[in-house]
Amino acid sequence: MYKLAFFVPEEDAETVKEAVFATGAGRIGDYEACCFQTRGTGQFRPLEGADPHIGRVGDLERVSELKVELVCDDSLIHDAVAALRQAHPYEEPAFDVWRLEDIQGR
């Protein structure tokens, strides 16, 4: 099992979440589309050669974003990350992937 966390502008969050959920990620037992999200502010400065979705090359940009966290089965993680990359509006989406340890029944 993996934990996938990604950062996305608030206005694009539902589209990206649905793309990731469509791979089967975000399932816990008999529940689907499970995630936790927190609001925050993302910051970046596009460098020469970038084609930013928001902002301009050379300018520091701050964006209201959500951090979305969900679990993902081992067999689905590559598809979930591919769906995230395809649906995300940024050319370089920020995300983290962690392997989780199963401690059920202990």
C-alpha atoms as a PDB file:
ATOM      1  CA  MET A   1       0.000   0.000   0.000  1.00  0.00           C
ATOM      2  CA  TYR A   2       1.170   3.527  -0.785  1.00  0.00           C
ATOM      3  CA  LYS A   3       0.260   7.035   0.328  1.00  0.00           C
ATOM      4  CA  LEU A   4       0.046   9.567  -2.502  1.00  0.00           C
ATOM      5  CA  ALA A   5       0.003  13.278  -1.711  1.00  0.00           C
ATOM      6  CA  PHE A   6      -0.194  16.034  -4.300  1.00  0.00           C
ATOM      7  CA  PHE A   7      -0.612  19.791  -4.464  1.00  0.00           C
ATOM      8  CA  VAL A   8      -3.136  21.335  -6.862  1.00  0.00           C
ATOM      9  CA  PRO A   9      -4.792  24.738  -7.375  1.00  0.00           C
ATOM     10  CA  GLU A  10      -8.177  24.704  -5.632  1.00  0.00           C
ATOM     11  CA  GLU A  11     -10.111  25.304  -8.851  1.00  0.00           C
ATOM     12  CA  ASP A  12      -8.541  22.208 -10.473  1.00  0.00           C
ATOM     13  CA  ALA A  13      -8.714  19.878  -7.461  1.00  0.00           C
ATOM     14  CA  GLU A  14     -11.922  18.002  -8.315  1.00  0.00           C
ATOM     15  CA  THR A  15     -10.792  17.230 -11.870  1.00  0.00           C
ATOM     16  CA  VAL A  16      -7.423  15.891 -10.705  1.00  0.00           C
ATOM     17  CA  LYS A  17      -8.928  13.915  -7.808  1.00  0.00           C
ATOM     18  CA  GLU A  18     -11.488  12.272 -10.114  1.00  0.00           C
ATOM     19  CA  ALA A  19      -8.738  11.267 -12.560  1.00  0.00           C
ATOM     20  CA  VAL A  20      -6.720   9.672  -9.753  1.00  0.00           C
ATOM     21  CA  PHE A  21      -9.804   7.996  -8.222  1.00  0.00           C
ATOM     22  CA  ALA A  22     -10.712   6.564 -11.651  1.00  0.00           C
ATOM     23  CA  THR A  23      -7.573   4.386 -11.434  1.00  0.00           C
ATOM     24  CA  GLY A  24      -8.901   2.765  -8.243  1.00  0.00           C
ATOM     25  CA  ALA A  25      -6.732   4.804  -5.882  1.00  0.00           C
ATOM     26  CA  GLY A  26      -8.380   6.178  -2.742  1.00  0.00           C
ATOM     27  CA  ARG A  27     -10.162   2.965  -1.736  1.00  0.00           C
ATOM     28  CA  ILE A  28     -10.333   1.925   1.919  1.00  0.00           C
ATOM     29  CA  GLY A  29     -12.323  -1.241   2.586  1.00  0.00           C
ATOM     30  CA  ASP A  30     -15.839  -0.751   1.216  1.00  0.00           C
ATOM     31  CA  TYR A  31     -15.298   2.984   0.546  1.00  0.00           C
ATOM     32  CA  GLU A  32     -13.979   4.736  -2.548  1.00  0.00           C
ATOM     33  CA  ALA A  33     -12.873   8.300  -3.367  1.00  0.00           C
ATOM     34  CA  CYS A  34     -11.337   8.586   0.127  1.00  0.00           C
ATOM     35  CA  CYS A  35      -8.889  11.431   0.689  1.00  0.00           C
ATOM     36  CA  PHE A  36      -7.923  14.174   3.075  1.00  0.00           C
ATOM     37  CA  GLN A  37      -7.230  17.682   1.859  1.00  0.00           C
ATOM     38  CA  THR A  38      -5.828  20.808   3.443  1.00  0.00           C
ATOM     39  CA  ARG A  39      -5.638  24.355   2.118  1.00  0.00           C
ATOM     40  CA  GLY A  40      -2.352  26.156   1.828  1.00  0.00           C
ATOM     41  CA  THR A  41      -0.314  28.452  -0.348  1.00  0.00           C
ATOM     42  CA  GLY A  42       2.021  27.119  -2.999  1.00  0.00           C
ATOM     43  CA  GLN A  43       4.929  29.226  -4.205  1.00  0.00           C
ATOM     44  CA  PHE A  44       7.103  28.998  -7.317  1.00  0.00           C
ATOM     45  CA  ARG A  45       9.064  31.069  -9.813  1.00  0.00           C
ATOM     46  CA  PRO A  46       8.986  29.779 -13.414  1.00  0.00           C
ATOM     47  CA  LEU A  47      12.453  29.740 -14.983  1.00  0.00           C
ATOM     48  CA  GLU A  48      13.427  30.425 -18.579  1.00  0.00           C
ATOM     49  CA  GLY A  49      12.062  27.622 -20.769  1.00  0.00           C
ATOM     50  CA  ALA A  50       9.013  27.018 -18.548  1.00  0.00           C
ATOM     51  CA  ASP A  51       5.469  27.306 -19.883  1.00  0.00           C
ATOM     52  CA  PRO A  52       3.596  28.129 -16.657  1.00  0.00           C
ATOM     53  CA  HIS A  53      -0.134  27.510 -16.300  1.00  0.00           C
ATOM     54  CA  ILE A  54      -0.210  30.351 -13.758  1.00  0.00           C
ATOM     55  CA  GLY A  55       2.142  33.341 -13.601  1.00  0.00           C
ATOM     56  CA  ARG A  56       5.000  34.489 -15.838  1.00  0.00           C
ATOM     57  CA  VAL A  57       8.589  33.410 -16.320  1.00  0.00           C
ATOM     58  CA  GLY A  58      10.807  35.133 -13.771  1.00  0.00           C
ATOM     59  CA  ASP A  59       7.979  36.263 -11.475  1.00  0.00           C
ATOM     60  CA  LEU A  60       7.433  34.758  -8.017  1.00  0.00           C
ATOM     61  CA  GLU A  61       3.899  33.386  -7.855  1.00  0.00           C
ATOM     62  CA  ARG A  62       1.782  32.376  -4.862  1.00  0.00           C
ATOM     63  CA  VAL A  63      -1.289  30.206  -5.429  1.00  0.00           C
ATOM     64  CA  SER A  64      -4.088  28.976  -3.163  1.00  0.00           C
ATOM     65  CA  GLU A  65      -3.724  25.205  -3.383  1.00  0.00           C
ATOM     66  CA  LEU A  66      -4.953  22.020  -1.769  1.00  0.00           C
ATOM     67  CA  LYS A  67      -2.741  19.213  -0.522  1.00  0.00           C
ATOM     68  CA  VAL A  68      -4.637  16.017  -1.280  1.00  0.00           C
ATOM     69  CA  GLU A  69      -3.622  12.773   0.450  1.00  0.00           C
ATOM     70  CA  LEU A  70      -4.935   9.289  -0.317  1.00  0.00           C
ATOM     71  CA  VAL A  71      -3.963   5.641  -0.164  1.00  0.00           C
ATOM     72  CA  CYS A  72      -3.272   3.508  -3.202  1.00  0.00           C
ATOM     73  CA  ASP A  73      -2.821  -0.213  -3.717  1.00  0.00           C
ATOM     74  CA  ASP A  74       0.623  -1.335  -4.890  1.00  0.00           C
ATOM     75  CA  SER A  75      -0.718  -2.517  -8.248  1.00  0.00           C
ATOM     76  CA  LEU A  76      -2.309   0.888  -8.981  1.00  0.00           C
ATOM     77  CA  ILE A  77       0.328   3.424  -7.930  1.00  0.00           C
ATOM     78  CA  HIS A  78       1.952   3.841 -11.356  1.00  0.00           C
ATOM     79  CA  ASP A  79      -1.435   4.364 -13.026  1.00  0.00           C
ATOM     80  CA  ALA A  80      -2.486   6.792 -10.287  1.00  0.00           C
ATOM     81  CA  VAL A  81       0.658   8.902 -10.739  1.00  0.00           C
ATOM     82  CA  ALA A  82       0.241   8.832 -14.543  1.00  0.00           C
ATOM     83  CA  ALA A  83      -3.381  10.001 -14.187  1.00  0.00           C
ATOM     84  CA  LEU A  84      -2.277  12.732 -11.780  1.00  0.00           C
ATOM     85  CA  ARG A  85       0.342  13.986 -14.239  1.00  0.00           C
ATOM     86  CA  GLN A  86      -2.093  13.916 -17.163  1.00  0.00           C
ATOM     87  CA  ALA A  87      -4.968  15.693 -15.367  1.00  0.00           C
ATOM     88  CA  HIS A  88      -2.890  18.265 -13.451  1.00  0.00           C
ATOM     89  CA  PRO A  89      -2.727  21.761 -14.978  1.00  0.00           C
ATOM     90  CA  TYR A  90       0.949  22.314 -14.052  1.00  0.00           C
ATOM     91  CA  GLU A  91       3.657  21.057 -16.386  1.00  0.00           C
ATOM     92  CA  GLU A  92       5.594  19.907 -13.274  1.00  0.00           C
ATOM     93  CA  PRO A  93       3.092  18.852 -10.588  1.00  0.00           C
ATOM     94  CA  ALA A  94       4.451  18.445  -7.059  1.00  0.00           C
ATOM     95  CA  PHE A  95       3.636  15.114  -5.421  1.00  0.00           C
ATOM     96  CA  ASP A  96       5.006  12.615  -2.889  1.00  0.00           C
ATOM     97  CA  VAL A  97       4.698   8.832  -2.746  1.00  0.00           C
ATOM     98  CA  TRP A  98       5.399   6.776   0.400  1.00  0.00           C
ATOM     99  CA  ARG A  99       5.261   3.031   0.890  1.00  0.00           C
ATOM    100  CA  LEU A 100       3.103   2.182   3.921  1.00  0.00           C
ATOM    101  CA  GLU A 101       3.605  -0.709   6.293  1.00  0.00           C
ATOM    102  CA  ASP A 102       0.675  -3.011   7.053  1.00  0.00           C
ATOM    103  CA  ILE A 103       0.162  -3.173  10.828  1.00  0.00           C
ATOM    104  CA  GLN A 104      -3.402  -4.544  10.883  1.00  0.00           C
ATOM    105  CA  GLY A 105      -4.120  -7.050  13.611  1.00  0.00           C
ATOM    106  CA  ARG A 106      -1.165  -6.112  15.787  1.00  0.00           C
END
